[in-house]
Amino acid sequence: MKQLTLQSEAYRYIIASFKEWLQTIGYSEQTVYQLPNYIQEFLFYAESKGYAGLWQINNDLIKEHYYKLKLRTNTRKGGGLSNSYLNKHLQGFEKFSDYLRQNGRLLLPKLDIQTEENNSEVTDILTQEEIKLLFKITYENYEQQKNDRGIVYYEAMQLRDRAMLCIFYGCGLRRNEVVHLDINDIVFEKNILHVRKGKGYKERKVPITKQSIEHLQNYLYDARPYFCNDKNEAFFVTHYGKRLGGTMMLRRLQQLIQLTGNAELMQKDIHLHTLRHSIATHLLQNGMKLERIKDFLGHSSLESTQIYTHFLEIENTNDYANTI
């Protein structure tokens, strides 16, 4: 989804207020980040129809926008947008209506749109070109991303972003495995990452490519000290020096996706686990045996790994090591 600029000052204010409301009542960082974006897209549509005032918003306009979303083409798959993506928009409309009502701004009746059926199966896999695009965007010099902390802070964030992509995609780690990753868990001289807190408390050792080692070292020695000067053992830290949580990691990934400006990529339902699914699929496409992929991912049974055989029809990709 594109970041669309609203012309109406009232609409810009209401987006900021809606976001603040979500934060105040305790929604997760991911929800606070996503839902205002969906409403901003709707208000941009309202402006395109000539409606610049909040009082002009009604359920008929919301439904008109939503059904146009349902007709939007997913350029990668040739069909429509995923049900999961559409349901996120419905959640956004529902919470926005709650916000308007509770703040006495506008009273909208309950939106009579049935939730789309969810499919628990893995549906979105990134291609290697899309993985390369995510890495590439971490080298771009975006003026609007620089804040009052300055250029050094921004470049440190880029180094951390590249290191995160290397761990999630290149090493195929789960979200909690990355969150609990400590500095000493990476053995640089042996190109090995030691997962000490895997699923079911199982340990495993994961190989790291030379390119990934370089990215990880650049982050560790050039960027991490800028964030953290104490004895915190966490490998990934926030700009306050605390262990980086999964929600913030996901938010950074979503920001990278938005920065690419790639419509096809932004249509996909992407989470941190998508990177793990993607590397597993790419390894299988490149001829690695299921048994080796099972060990690489830390699966307890081969049955869990066999899900990736369903994605072999995805377009051919190059050697994944060239990406990372």
Protein backbone atom coordinates (compact mmCIF):
# COMPACT_ATOMS: atom_id res chain seq x y z
CA MET A 1 0.00 0.00 0.00
CA LYS A 2 1.35 3.40 -0.95
CA GLN A 3 1.86 6.22 1.51
CA LEU A 4 -0.60 8.73 0.06
CA THR A 5 -0.47 12.45 0.78
CA LEU A 6 -3.70 14.01 1.98
CA GLN A 7 -4.53 17.55 0.88
CA SER A 8 -7.17 18.20 3.53
CA GLU A 9 -5.72 19.61 6.75
CA ALA A 10 -8.71 18.17 8.61
CA TYR A 11 -7.97 14.70 7.26
CA ARG A 12 -4.28 14.97 8.18
CA TYR A 13 -5.23 15.98 11.69
CA ILE A 14 -7.73 13.14 12.07
CA ILE A 15 -5.12 10.55 11.01
CA ALA A 16 -2.68 11.81 13.63
CA SER A 17 -5.43 11.90 16.26
CA PHE A 18 -6.60 8.38 15.36
CA LYS A 19 -3.05 7.07 15.74
CA GLU A 20 -2.71 8.76 19.13
CA TRP A 21 -6.04 7.26 20.21
CA LEU A 22 -4.88 3.75 19.30
CA GLN A 23 -1.68 4.26 21.29
CA THR A 24 -3.57 5.61 24.30
CA ILE A 25 -5.92 2.64 24.58
CA GLY A 26 -3.03 0.20 24.33
CA TYR A 27 -2.99 -1.31 20.85
CA SER A 28 0.24 -2.93 19.68
CA GLU A 29 2.85 -0.97 17.75
CA GLN A 30 2.01 -2.97 14.63
CA THR A 31 -1.68 -2.03 14.86
CA VAL A 32 -0.86 1.60 15.60
CA TYR A 33 1.34 1.64 12.51
CA GLN A 34 -0.97 -0.21 10.12
CA LEU A 35 -4.54 0.94 10.78
CA PRO A 36 -3.97 4.69 10.27
CA ASN A 37 -2.33 3.85 6.93
CA TYR A 38 -5.44 2.00 5.80
CA ILE A 39 -7.66 4.90 6.85
CA GLN A 40 -5.32 7.35 5.13
CA GLU A 41 -5.78 5.36 1.92
CA PHE A 42 -9.56 5.58 2.36
CA LEU A 43 -9.48 9.34 3.01
CA PHE A 44 -7.28 9.80 -0.06
CA TYR A 45 -10.00 8.01 -2.02
CA ALA A 46 -12.60 10.30 -0.43
CA GLU A 47 -10.62 13.34 -1.57
CA SER A 48 -10.47 11.96 -5.10
CA LYS A 49 -14.29 11.88 -5.03
CA GLY A 50 -14.45 15.50 -3.91
CA TYR A 51 -15.17 14.85 -0.21
CA ALA A 52 -12.80 16.97 1.87
CA GLY A 53 -14.82 17.20 5.09
CA LEU A 54 -15.21 14.60 7.82
CA TRP A 55 -18.95 15.25 7.91
CA GLN A 56 -19.17 13.89 4.34
CA ILE A 57 -17.87 10.45 5.34
CA ASN A 58 -20.48 7.68 5.45
CA ASN A 59 -20.72 3.91 5.20
CA ASP A 60 -21.69 4.02 1.53
CA LEU A 61 -18.38 5.73 0.73
CA ILE A 62 -16.47 3.23 2.88
CA LYS A 63 -18.15 0.31 1.10
CA GLU A 64 -17.46 1.85 -2.30
CA HIS A 65 -13.77 2.14 -1.44
CA TYR A 66 -13.64 -1.38 0.02
CA TYR A 67 -15.25 -3.05 -2.99
CA LYS A 68 -12.79 -1.26 -5.26
CA LEU A 69 -10.04 -2.75 -3.11
CA LYS A 70 -11.53 -6.19 -3.70
CA LEU A 71 -11.31 -5.59 -7.44
CA ARG A 72 -7.69 -4.48 -7.30
CA THR A 73 -5.37 -6.88 -9.08
CA ASN A 74 -2.54 -8.64 -7.33
CA THR A 75 0.05 -8.25 -10.08
CA ARG A 76 2.09 -11.22 -8.86
CA LYS A 77 -0.69 -13.80 -8.65
CA GLY A 78 -3.06 -12.45 -11.24
CA GLY A 79 -5.97 -12.52 -8.80
CA GLY A 80 -7.22 -10.15 -6.15
CA LEU A 81 -5.71 -8.99 -2.89
CA SER A 82 -5.39 -11.59 -0.13
CA ASN A 83 -8.26 -12.08 2.29
CA SER A 84 -5.91 -11.35 5.17
CA TYR A 85 -5.01 -7.99 3.65
CA LEU A 86 -8.67 -7.13 3.06
CA ASN A 87 -9.58 -8.08 6.63
CA LYS A 88 -6.96 -5.68 7.93
CA HIS A 89 -8.76 -2.90 6.09
CA LEU A 90 -12.07 -3.98 7.63
CA GLN A 91 -10.45 -3.88 11.07
CA GLY A 92 -9.21 -0.39 10.27
CA PHE A 93 -12.70 0.81 9.32
CA GLU A 94 -14.17 -0.70 12.50
CA LYS A 95 -11.64 0.91 14.81
CA PHE A 96 -11.88 4.22 12.98
CA SER A 97 -15.65 4.21 13.48
CA ASP A 98 -15.11 3.49 17.19
CA TYR A 99 -12.67 6.39 17.39
CA LEU A 100 -15.06 8.80 15.67
CA ARG A 101 -17.94 7.77 17.93
CA GLN A 102 -16.04 7.83 21.21
CA ASN A 103 -14.59 11.25 20.46
CA GLY A 104 -17.94 12.69 19.42
CA ARG A 105 -16.78 13.49 15.90
CA LEU A 106 -19.13 11.36 13.82
CA LEU A 107 -21.63 8.58 14.44
CA LEU A 108 -21.47 5.85 11.82
CA PRO A 109 -23.72 2.78 11.92
CA LYS A 110 -22.11 -0.64 12.06
CA LEU A 111 -20.43 -1.44 8.77
CA ASP A 112 -22.35 -4.29 7.18
CA ILE A 113 -19.49 -6.08 5.42
CA GLN A 114 -18.77 -9.75 6.08
CA THR A 115 -15.23 -10.63 7.09
CA GLU A 116 -13.31 -12.43 4.36
CA GLU A 117 -12.51 -16.09 4.99
CA ASN A 118 -8.98 -16.51 6.27
CA ASN A 119 -6.63 -19.12 4.88
CA SER A 120 -4.12 -20.30 7.47
CA GLU A 121 -1.87 -21.74 4.78
CA VAL A 122 1.31 -19.86 3.85
CA THR A 123 0.30 -17.80 0.82
CA ASP A 124 2.99 -15.19 0.22
CA ILE A 125 6.62 -15.93 -0.55
CA LEU A 126 9.10 -13.26 -1.57
CA THR A 127 11.05 -13.78 -4.76
CA GLN A 128 14.80 -13.30 -4.71
CA GLU A 129 14.38 -10.11 -6.71
CA GLU A 130 12.14 -8.80 -3.94
CA ILE A 131 14.68 -9.84 -1.31
CA LYS A 132 17.37 -7.96 -3.25
CA LEU A 133 15.07 -4.95 -3.41
CA LEU A 134 14.72 -4.94 0.38
CA PHE A 135 18.50 -5.02 0.77
CA LYS A 136 18.93 -2.32 -1.86
CA ILE A 137 16.55 0.06 -0.13
CA THR A 138 18.76 -0.01 2.99
CA TYR A 139 21.44 1.77 0.96
CA GLU A 140 19.14 4.53 -0.32
CA ASN A 141 19.59 8.05 1.00
CA TYR A 142 16.08 9.22 1.88
CA GLU A 143 16.07 12.73 3.29
CA GLN A 144 12.61 12.31 4.84
CA GLN A 145 13.86 9.39 6.92
CA LYS A 146 16.51 11.49 8.66
CA ASN A 147 15.28 12.96 11.90
CA ASP A 148 16.78 15.28 14.47
CA ARG A 149 19.26 12.59 15.48
CA GLY A 150 21.07 13.18 12.20
CA ILE A 151 22.78 11.23 9.45
CA VAL A 152 24.86 8.98 11.72
CA TYR A 153 21.74 7.69 13.45
CA TYR A 154 20.04 7.03 10.10
CA GLU A 155 23.04 5.15 8.73
CA ALA A 156 23.23 3.09 11.92
CA MET A 157 19.57 2.13 11.41
CA GLN A 158 20.37 1.03 7.86
CA LEU A 159 23.20 -1.20 9.08
CA ARG A 160 20.85 -2.73 11.64
CA ASP A 161 18.17 -3.27 8.96
CA ARG A 162 20.64 -5.16 6.75
CA ALA A 163 21.76 -7.30 9.67
CA MET A 164 18.15 -8.15 10.49
CA LEU A 165 17.46 -9.20 6.89
CA CYS A 166 20.53 -11.42 7.02
CA ILE A 167 19.34 -13.15 10.18
CA PHE A 168 15.66 -13.56 9.26
CA TYR A 169 16.20 -14.47 5.61
CA GLY A 170 19.80 -15.70 5.34
CA CYS A 171 19.66 -17.78 8.53
CA GLY A 172 15.93 -18.54 8.48
CA LEU A 173 15.40 -17.79 12.16
CA ARG A 174 12.03 -17.51 13.86
CA ARG A 175 10.92 -14.22 15.39
CA ASN A 176 11.58 -15.21 19.02
CA GLU A 177 14.91 -16.74 18.07
CA VAL A 178 16.04 -13.39 16.70
CA VAL A 179 14.68 -11.46 19.67
CA HIS A 180 16.69 -13.66 22.08
CA LEU A 181 19.84 -13.64 19.94
CA ASP A 182 22.93 -12.54 21.92
CA ILE A 183 26.26 -11.26 20.66
CA ASN A 184 28.10 -14.42 21.70
CA ASP A 185 25.66 -16.60 19.77
CA ILE A 186 27.40 -15.63 16.51
CA VAL A 187 30.77 -17.31 16.01
CA PHE A 188 32.27 -15.09 13.34
CA GLU A 189 35.50 -17.03 12.87
CA LYS A 190 33.50 -20.18 12.02
CA ASN A 191 30.61 -18.50 10.13
CA ILE A 192 28.14 -20.14 12.51
CA LEU A 193 25.10 -18.86 14.39
CA HIS A 194 24.16 -20.78 17.53
CA VAL A 195 20.42 -20.82 18.18
CA ARG A 196 20.20 -21.47 21.92
CA LYS A 197 16.50 -20.75 22.44
CA GLY A 198 14.77 -22.44 19.52
CA LYS A 199 11.23 -23.75 19.43
CA GLY A 200 10.71 -26.44 22.04
CA TYR A 201 13.97 -25.31 23.72
CA LYS A 202 15.96 -27.07 20.99
CA GLU A 203 19.39 -25.79 20.01
CA ARG A 204 20.89 -25.81 16.53
CA LYS A 205 23.76 -24.30 14.60
CA VAL A 206 23.08 -22.40 11.40
CA PRO A 207 25.69 -21.58 8.71
CA ILE A 208 26.13 -17.94 7.71
CA THR A 209 27.32 -16.80 4.28
CA LYS A 210 30.41 -14.61 3.99
CA GLN A 211 28.34 -11.69 2.75
CA SER A 212 26.04 -11.99 5.75
CA ILE A 213 29.02 -12.16 8.10
CA GLU A 214 30.21 -8.85 6.67
CA HIS A 215 26.81 -7.22 7.20
CA LEU A 216 26.57 -8.57 10.75
CA GLN A 217 30.05 -7.33 11.64
CA ASN A 218 29.35 -3.89 10.17
CA TYR A 219 26.29 -3.60 12.36
CA LEU A 220 27.97 -5.00 15.48
CA TYR A 221 31.09 -2.83 15.34
CA ASP A 222 29.90 0.32 13.55
CA ALA A 223 26.20 0.72 14.41
CA ARG A 224 25.41 -1.10 17.65
CA PRO A 225 27.85 0.96 19.79
CA TYR A 226 25.97 4.06 18.65
CA PHE A 227 22.80 2.63 20.23
CA CYS A 228 24.24 0.77 23.20
CA ASN A 229 27.28 1.56 25.35
CA ASP A 230 26.49 -0.71 28.29
CA LYS A 231 26.99 -4.43 28.83
CA ASN A 232 23.71 -5.50 27.27
CA GLU A 233 24.30 -8.92 25.67
CA ALA A 234 21.45 -8.59 23.14
CA PHE A 235 22.62 -8.59 19.53
CA PHE A 236 19.80 -6.37 18.26
CA VAL A 237 19.11 -3.30 20.38
CA THR A 238 16.90 -0.23 20.16
CA HIS A 239 18.25 3.30 19.96
CA TYR A 240 17.72 3.39 23.74
CA GLY A 241 20.09 0.45 24.20
CA LYS A 242 17.38 -2.10 25.12
CA ARG A 243 16.81 -5.50 23.52
CA LEU A 244 14.87 -5.02 20.28
CA GLY A 245 11.43 -6.65 20.36
CA GLY A 246 9.60 -8.52 17.62
CA THR A 247 6.99 -5.81 17.10
CA MET A 248 9.60 -3.18 16.33
CA MET A 249 11.43 -5.59 14.03
CA LEU A 250 8.22 -6.15 12.09
CA ARG A 251 7.62 -2.42 11.93
CA ARG A 252 11.08 -1.87 10.46
CA LEU A 253 10.42 -4.55 7.83
CA GLN A 254 7.12 -2.90 6.91
CA GLN A 255 8.82 0.47 6.63
CA LEU A 256 11.41 -0.99 4.26
CA ILE A 257 8.62 -2.44 2.14
CA GLN A 258 6.89 0.95 1.98
CA LEU A 259 10.15 2.68 1.03
CA THR A 260 10.62 0.40 -1.98
CA GLY A 261 7.50 1.89 -3.55
CA ASN A 262 6.99 -1.48 -5.25
CA ALA A 263 3.24 -2.02 -5.67
CA GLU A 264 3.56 -5.78 -6.14
CA LEU A 265 5.61 -6.15 -2.98
CA MET A 266 3.29 -3.94 -0.94
CA GLN A 267 0.27 -6.05 -1.94
CA LYS A 268 1.71 -9.12 -0.25
CA ASP A 269 0.86 -10.15 3.29
CA ILE A 270 4.39 -9.99 4.70
CA HIS A 271 5.53 -10.77 8.22
CA LEU A 272 8.90 -11.60 9.75
CA HIS A 273 8.11 -15.30 9.28
CA THR A 274 7.66 -14.63 5.54
CA LEU A 275 11.44 -14.23 5.28
CA ARG A 276 11.91 -17.68 6.85
CA HIS A 277 9.34 -19.19 4.48
CA SER A 278 11.08 -17.50 1.56
CA ILE A 279 14.59 -18.81 2.25
CA ALA A 280 13.24 -22.33 2.78
CA THR A 281 11.44 -22.18 -0.57
CA HIS A 282 14.49 -20.77 -2.35
CA LEU A 283 16.76 -23.47 -0.94
CA LEU A 284 14.33 -26.15 -2.09
CA GLN A 285 14.12 -24.59 -5.54
CA ASN A 286 17.90 -24.63 -5.75
CA GLY A 287 18.03 -28.36 -5.08
CA MET A 288 18.72 -28.65 -1.36
CA LYS A 289 17.31 -31.84 0.13
CA LEU A 290 14.32 -31.60 2.45
CA GLU A 291 16.29 -33.27 5.23
CA ARG A 292 18.92 -30.53 5.15
CA ILE A 293 16.31 -27.78 5.04
CA LYS A 294 14.60 -29.43 8.02
CA ASP A 295 17.83 -29.19 10.03
CA PHE A 296 18.48 -25.65 8.80
CA LEU A 297 15.05 -24.46 10.00
CA GLY A 298 15.08 -26.48 13.21
CA HIS A 299 11.92 -28.44 12.41
CA SER A 300 11.21 -31.39 14.65
CA SER A 301 9.74 -33.45 11.80
CA LEU A 302 10.08 -33.64 8.04
CA GLU A 303 6.33 -33.15 7.73
CA SER A 304 6.67 -29.52 8.80
CA THR A 305 9.25 -28.93 6.07
CA GLN A 306 7.21 -30.52 3.29
CA ILE A 307 4.88 -27.51 3.13
CA TYR A 308 7.52 -25.77 1.01
CA THR A 309 7.12 -28.28 -1.79
CA HIS A 310 3.84 -26.46 -2.56
CA PHE A 311 5.77 -23.39 -3.69
CA LEU A 312 8.05 -25.01 -6.26
CA GLU A 313 5.93 -23.58 -9.06
CA ILE A 314 7.05 -20.07 -8.08
CA GLU A 315 9.34 -18.49 -10.70
CA ASN A 316 12.92 -19.70 -10.90
CA THR A 317 15.40 -17.85 -8.72
CA ASN A 318 19.17 -17.45 -8.63
CA ASP A 319 21.57 -18.70 -5.98
CA TYR A 320 20.37 -17.14 -2.73
CA ALA A 321 23.91 -16.57 -1.52
CA ASN A 322 24.30 -13.89 -4.21
CA THR A 323 21.60 -11.91 -2.45
CA ILE A 324 23.02 -11.96 1.05
